[in-house]
Amino acid sequence: IALFALCAPIPGPLLHDATRRLQEWSARGAQWILNTCGFAPVVRRGTVLYLPQYTLDVDTPCSGLQTLLT
């Protein structure tokens, strides 16, 4: 029974709260990489990256949680 409990997906709001800090770190890293590669200016507000022609949102799947769970 414990194995089945561990296999259950984490509820959305709880997952979002748990991964918020990881999302912000991923967004900071992506901002640095994009600015370094010449896509400047990249402006970050929370987990959203604003490029001159695009808007990118670092969402829960991009937070790095799967890497930590693996």
C-alpha atoms as a PDB file:
ATOM      1  CA  ILE A   1       0.000   0.000   0.000  1.00  0.00           C
ATOM      2  CA  ALA A   2       2.893   2.359   0.761  1.00  0.00           C
ATOM      3  CA  LEU A   3       4.278   1.786  -2.734  1.00  0.00           C
ATOM      4  CA  PHE A   4       0.963   2.826  -4.287  1.00  0.00           C
ATOM      5  CA  ALA A   5       0.894   5.949  -2.117  1.00  0.00           C
ATOM      6  CA  LEU A   6       4.349   6.910  -3.367  1.00  0.00           C
ATOM      7  CA  CYS A   7       3.278   6.367  -6.987  1.00  0.00           C
ATOM      8  CA  ALA A   8       0.339   8.764  -6.723  1.00  0.00           C
ATOM      9  CA  PRO A   9       0.862  12.157  -8.381  1.00  0.00           C
ATOM     10  CA  ILE A  10       1.321  15.177  -6.161  1.00  0.00           C
ATOM     11  CA  PRO A  11      -1.758  17.478  -6.169  1.00  0.00           C
ATOM     12  CA  GLY A  12      -1.325  20.537  -8.398  1.00  0.00           C
ATOM     13  CA  PRO A  13      -1.406  23.337  -5.797  1.00  0.00           C
ATOM     14  CA  LEU A  14       0.941  21.447  -3.488  1.00  0.00           C
ATOM     15  CA  LEU A  15       3.309  20.710  -6.374  1.00  0.00           C
ATOM     16  CA  HIS A  16       3.307  24.364  -7.427  1.00  0.00           C
ATOM     17  CA  ASP A  17       4.134  25.555  -3.903  1.00  0.00           C
ATOM     18  CA  ALA A  18       6.863  22.931  -3.505  1.00  0.00           C
ATOM     19  CA  THR A  19       8.556  23.745  -6.813  1.00  0.00           C
ATOM     20  CA  ARG A  20       8.266  27.535  -6.792  1.00  0.00           C
ATOM     21  CA  ARG A  21      11.851  28.076  -5.559  1.00  0.00           C
ATOM     22  CA  LEU A  22      13.214  25.560  -8.098  1.00  0.00           C
ATOM     23  CA  GLN A  23      11.332  27.347 -10.881  1.00  0.00           C
ATOM     24  CA  GLU A  24      12.871  30.669  -9.864  1.00  0.00           C
ATOM     25  CA  TRP A  25      16.383  29.167  -9.851  1.00  0.00           C
ATOM     26  CA  SER A  26      15.781  27.640 -13.292  1.00  0.00           C
ATOM     27  CA  ALA A  27      14.514  30.981 -14.594  1.00  0.00           C
ATOM     28  CA  ARG A  28      17.590  32.784 -13.231  1.00  0.00           C
ATOM     29  CA  GLY A  29      19.867  30.243 -14.888  1.00  0.00           C
ATOM     30  CA  ALA A  30      18.002  30.486 -18.186  1.00  0.00           C
ATOM     31  CA  GLN A  31      18.184  34.286 -18.048  1.00  0.00           C
ATOM     32  CA  TRP A  32      21.937  34.184 -17.491  1.00  0.00           C
ATOM     33  CA  ILE A  33      22.475  31.667 -20.313  1.00  0.00           C
ATOM     34  CA  LEU A  34      20.319  33.635 -22.771  1.00  0.00           C
ATOM     35  CA  ASN A  35      22.053  36.922 -21.934  1.00  0.00           C
ATOM     36  CA  THR A  36      25.469  35.260 -22.236  1.00  0.00           C
ATOM     37  CA  CYS A  37      24.594  33.731 -25.623  1.00  0.00           C
ATOM     38  CA  GLY A  38      23.596  37.111 -27.044  1.00  0.00           C
ATOM     39  CA  PHE A  39      19.821  37.064 -26.714  1.00  0.00           C
ATOM     40  CA  ALA A  40      19.992  40.209 -24.548  1.00  0.00           C
ATOM     41  CA  PRO A  41      18.121  41.941 -23.144  1.00  0.00           C
ATOM     42  CA  VAL A  42      16.298  39.205 -21.254  1.00  0.00           C
ATOM     43  CA  VAL A  43      14.200  40.511 -18.376  1.00  0.00           C
ATOM     44  CA  ARG A  44      12.981  38.129 -15.670  1.00  0.00           C
ATOM     45  CA  ARG A  45       9.967  38.707 -13.465  1.00  0.00           C
ATOM     46  CA  GLY A  46       9.467  35.758 -11.146  1.00  0.00           C
ATOM     47  CA  THR A  47       9.471  32.740 -13.431  1.00  0.00           C
ATOM     48  CA  VAL A  48       8.629  34.591 -16.648  1.00  0.00           C
ATOM     49  CA  LEU A  49      11.387  35.580 -19.081  1.00  0.00           C
ATOM     50  CA  TYR A  50      10.744  38.461 -21.459  1.00  0.00           C
ATOM     51  CA  LEU A  51      12.767  38.570 -24.655  1.00  0.00           C
ATOM     52  CA  PRO A  52      12.286  41.257 -27.319  1.00  0.00           C
ATOM     53  CA  GLN A  53      10.011  38.995 -29.406  1.00  0.00           C
ATOM     54  CA  TYR A  54       9.035  36.173 -27.030  1.00  0.00           C
ATOM     55  CA  THR A  55       7.723  35.522 -23.567  1.00  0.00           C
ATOM     56  CA  LEU A  56       8.858  32.321 -21.842  1.00  0.00           C
ATOM     57  CA  ASP A  57       7.373  30.886 -18.669  1.00  0.00           C
ATOM     58  CA  VAL A  58       9.400  28.425 -16.587  1.00  0.00           C
ATOM     59  CA  ASP A  59       6.598  26.134 -15.455  1.00  0.00           C
ATOM     60  CA  THR A  60       6.557  23.189 -13.052  1.00  0.00           C
ATOM     61  CA  PRO A  61       7.936  20.612 -15.560  1.00  0.00           C
ATOM     62  CA  CYS A  62      10.977  22.875 -16.064  1.00  0.00           C
ATOM     63  CA  SER A  63      11.660  23.311 -12.367  1.00  0.00           C
ATOM     64  CA  GLY A  64      14.115  20.422 -12.063  1.00  0.00           C
ATOM     65  CA  LEU A  65      11.948  18.413  -9.659  1.00  0.00           C
ATOM     66  CA  GLN A  66      12.012  15.310 -11.871  1.00  0.00           C
ATOM     67  CA  THR A  67      15.804  15.384 -11.788  1.00  0.00           C
ATOM     68  CA  LEU A  68      15.760  15.513  -7.994  1.00  0.00           C
ATOM     69  CA  LEU A  69      13.191  12.714  -7.723  1.00  0.00           C
ATOM     70  CA  THR A  70      15.160  10.461 -10.039  1.00  0.00           C
END
